[in-house]
Protein backbone atom coordinates (compact mmCIF):
# COMPACT_ATOMS: atom_id res chain seq x y z
CA MET A 1 108.78 169.38 53.93
CA GLU A 2 110.92 169.66 56.86
CA ASP A 3 108.01 168.98 59.27
CA PHE A 4 106.83 165.70 57.30
CA ALA A 5 108.32 162.08 58.66
CA THR A 6 107.41 159.19 57.21
CA CYS A 7 106.93 155.73 59.16
CA SER A 8 106.18 152.91 56.75
CA SER A 9 102.77 153.74 55.54
CA TRP A 10 101.79 156.34 57.76
CA LEU A 11 103.02 160.21 56.87
CA LEU A 12 103.39 162.65 59.91
CA TYR A 13 102.90 166.40 60.21
CA LYS A 14 103.56 168.36 63.08
CA GLY A 15 101.61 165.96 65.69
CA ALA A 16 98.89 164.57 62.98
CA ALA A 17 98.76 161.50 60.66
CA CYS A 18 97.70 160.86 57.23
CA GLU A 19 97.31 157.53 55.79
CA LEU A 20 98.88 157.42 52.42
CA GLY A 21 97.35 155.86 49.17
CA ALA A 22 93.78 157.08 50.54
CA ALA A 23 91.59 158.53 48.52
CA SER A 24 91.05 161.37 51.06
CA CYS A 25 93.69 161.73 54.25
CA LYS A 26 91.92 161.31 57.38
CA ILE A 27 93.54 162.94 60.14
CA VAL A 28 93.95 161.60 63.28
CA PRO A 29 95.11 163.01 66.61
CA GLU A 30 98.45 162.12 68.14
CA GLY A 31 98.77 159.60 70.56
CA SER A 32 95.66 157.88 69.46
CA SER A 33 95.94 154.86 67.40
CA ALA A 34 95.21 154.35 63.64
CA PRO A 35 91.53 152.80 62.88
CA GLY A 36 93.21 149.73 60.80
CA VAL A 37 94.99 148.88 64.28
CA MET A 38 92.20 149.41 66.06
CA LYS A 39 89.81 146.98 63.68
CA ALA A 40 92.99 144.18 64.01
CA ALA A 41 93.09 144.60 67.72
CA VAL A 42 89.27 143.94 68.38
CA PHE A 43 89.04 141.11 65.63
CA LEU A 44 92.31 139.41 67.44
CA LEU A 45 90.22 139.77 70.77
CA LEU A 46 87.03 138.49 69.51
CA ALA A 47 89.37 135.45 67.78
CA LEU A 48 90.76 134.55 70.91
CA LEU A 49 87.53 135.04 73.23
CA VAL A 50 84.73 132.91 70.80
CA PRO A 51 86.86 129.54 70.96
CA ALA A 52 87.53 130.28 74.56
CA TYR A 53 83.81 130.41 75.32
CA HIS A 54 83.01 127.53 72.95
CA THR A 55 86.01 125.37 74.79
CA GLY A 56 84.18 126.36 77.89
CA ALA A 57 80.63 124.12 76.51
CA GLN A 58 82.64 121.65 74.97
CA CYS A 59 84.36 121.05 78.61
CA ILE A 60 81.06 120.73 80.26
CA ILE A 61 80.03 118.09 77.83
CA ASP A 62 83.21 116.49 78.28
CA ASN A 63 82.63 116.14 81.83
CA VAL A 64 79.33 115.10 81.71
CA VAL A 65 80.41 112.22 78.98
CA ASP A 66 82.98 111.19 81.39
CA LEU A 67 80.42 110.81 84.61
CA LYS A 68 78.30 109.03 82.52
CA VAL A 69 80.97 106.30 81.14
CA GLN A 70 82.43 106.21 84.94
CA ALA A 71 78.73 105.21 86.20
CA ALA A 72 78.48 102.87 83.72
CA ILE A 73 81.50 101.03 84.13
CA SER A 74 81.46 101.58 87.94
CA SER A 75 78.18 99.36 87.96
CA ILE A 76 79.60 96.89 85.71
CA VAL A 77 82.72 96.44 87.55
CA SER A 78 80.82 96.42 91.18
CA SER A 79 78.46 93.54 89.73
CA THR A 80 81.68 91.52 88.47
CA LEU A 81 83.48 91.74 91.58
CA ALA A 82 80.79 91.04 93.50
CA LYS A 83 80.78 87.72 92.00
CA ALA A 84 84.48 87.08 91.77
CA LYS A 85 85.72 84.42 94.12
CA LEU A 86 89.60 83.74 95.28
CA LEU A 87 89.52 80.38 94.67
CA CYS A 88 93.00 78.67 96.18
CA GLN A 89 94.29 74.90 96.69
CA ASP A 90 97.91 73.79 98.39
CA VAL A 91 100.30 71.92 96.53
CA SER A 92 103.31 70.30 97.72
CA ALA A 93 106.34 67.84 96.20
CA ARG A 94 109.73 66.28 96.99
CA GLY A 95 112.44 68.35 96.41
CA ALA A 96 112.78 72.23 95.62
CA LEU A 97 110.62 72.70 93.47
CA VAL A 98 106.44 72.70 92.80
CA SER A 99 104.40 74.29 90.59
CA CYS A 100 101.15 75.07 90.62
CA PRO A 101 98.33 73.88 88.55
CA ALA A 102 97.45 75.60 84.83
CA GLY A 103 95.65 79.22 85.97
CA TYR A 104 96.87 79.49 89.19
CA LYS A 105 99.34 81.56 90.27
CA PRO A 106 101.50 81.17 93.94
CA THR A 107 101.02 83.28 96.57
CA GLY A 108 103.18 81.85 98.86
CA CYS A 109 105.89 78.98 99.74
CA ALA A 110 107.12 76.72 102.16
CA CYS A 111 110.04 74.60 102.47
CA GLY A 112 111.38 71.73 104.39
CA MET A 113 114.28 71.19 106.70
CA GLY A 114 113.66 75.24 108.35
CA CYS A 115 114.71 77.02 105.10
CA GLY A 116 112.77 80.35 105.09
CA SER A 117 114.70 81.31 101.54
CA TRP A 118 112.08 80.75 98.60
CA ASP A 119 111.36 82.61 95.58
CA ILE A 120 108.82 82.14 92.14
CA ARG A 121 110.15 80.86 89.46
CA SER A 122 108.52 81.91 86.07
CA ASP A 123 105.27 83.50 87.46
CA SER A 124 104.30 79.42 88.10
CA THR A 125 106.70 77.66 90.42
CA CYS A 126 107.94 78.06 94.08
CA HIS A 127 111.71 77.11 94.21
CA CYS A 128 113.19 76.43 97.88
CA GLN A 129 116.62 78.10 98.00
CA CYS A 130 118.28 76.04 100.42
CA GLY A 131 120.95 73.10 99.72
CA GLY A 132 119.16 69.50 100.90
CA ILE A 133 115.37 70.51 100.79
CA ASP A 134 113.20 67.13 100.95
CA TRP A 135 109.74 69.03 100.55
CA THR A 136 108.27 72.38 98.97
CA ALA A 137 104.95 73.05 99.26
CA ALA A 138 102.77 76.17 97.32
CA ARG A 139 99.62 78.37 97.94
CA CYS A 140 98.33 78.60 94.62
CA CYS A 141 95.30 80.97 93.87
CA LYS A 142 93.25 82.36 90.72
CA ILE A 143 90.07 84.39 90.75
CA GLY A 144 87.12 82.80 89.80
CA LEU A 145 84.04 84.54 88.31
């Protein structure tokens, strides 16, 4: 028994391997893999390659669907944008504040007394920041379809 060594479920004898618990011993030459390990390696390789192949096909289908959706959206968007118009009007008031009509947004403001400091408040009101302002004006616009 001096020439035997055990390694998990394999019995090694002078460079040959025997599987324990088998009905008959299969001698595997030294340096070669066991049959079970080869089967597992082939199965693992197939398990990785088959989904990768189908994933590639899925990507092609996804790309075609994406292109169709983008084409449909771009035609709808371009026809809608062709009808869109920018509607603007000027509004002015005494004092430092002027508000745009409902649905309109201020795109620019002007202040009396040579004041060039202004800001837009509440997304609809022009405010001149200098003291003693006599008038304020706003250019208010909206997109009409």
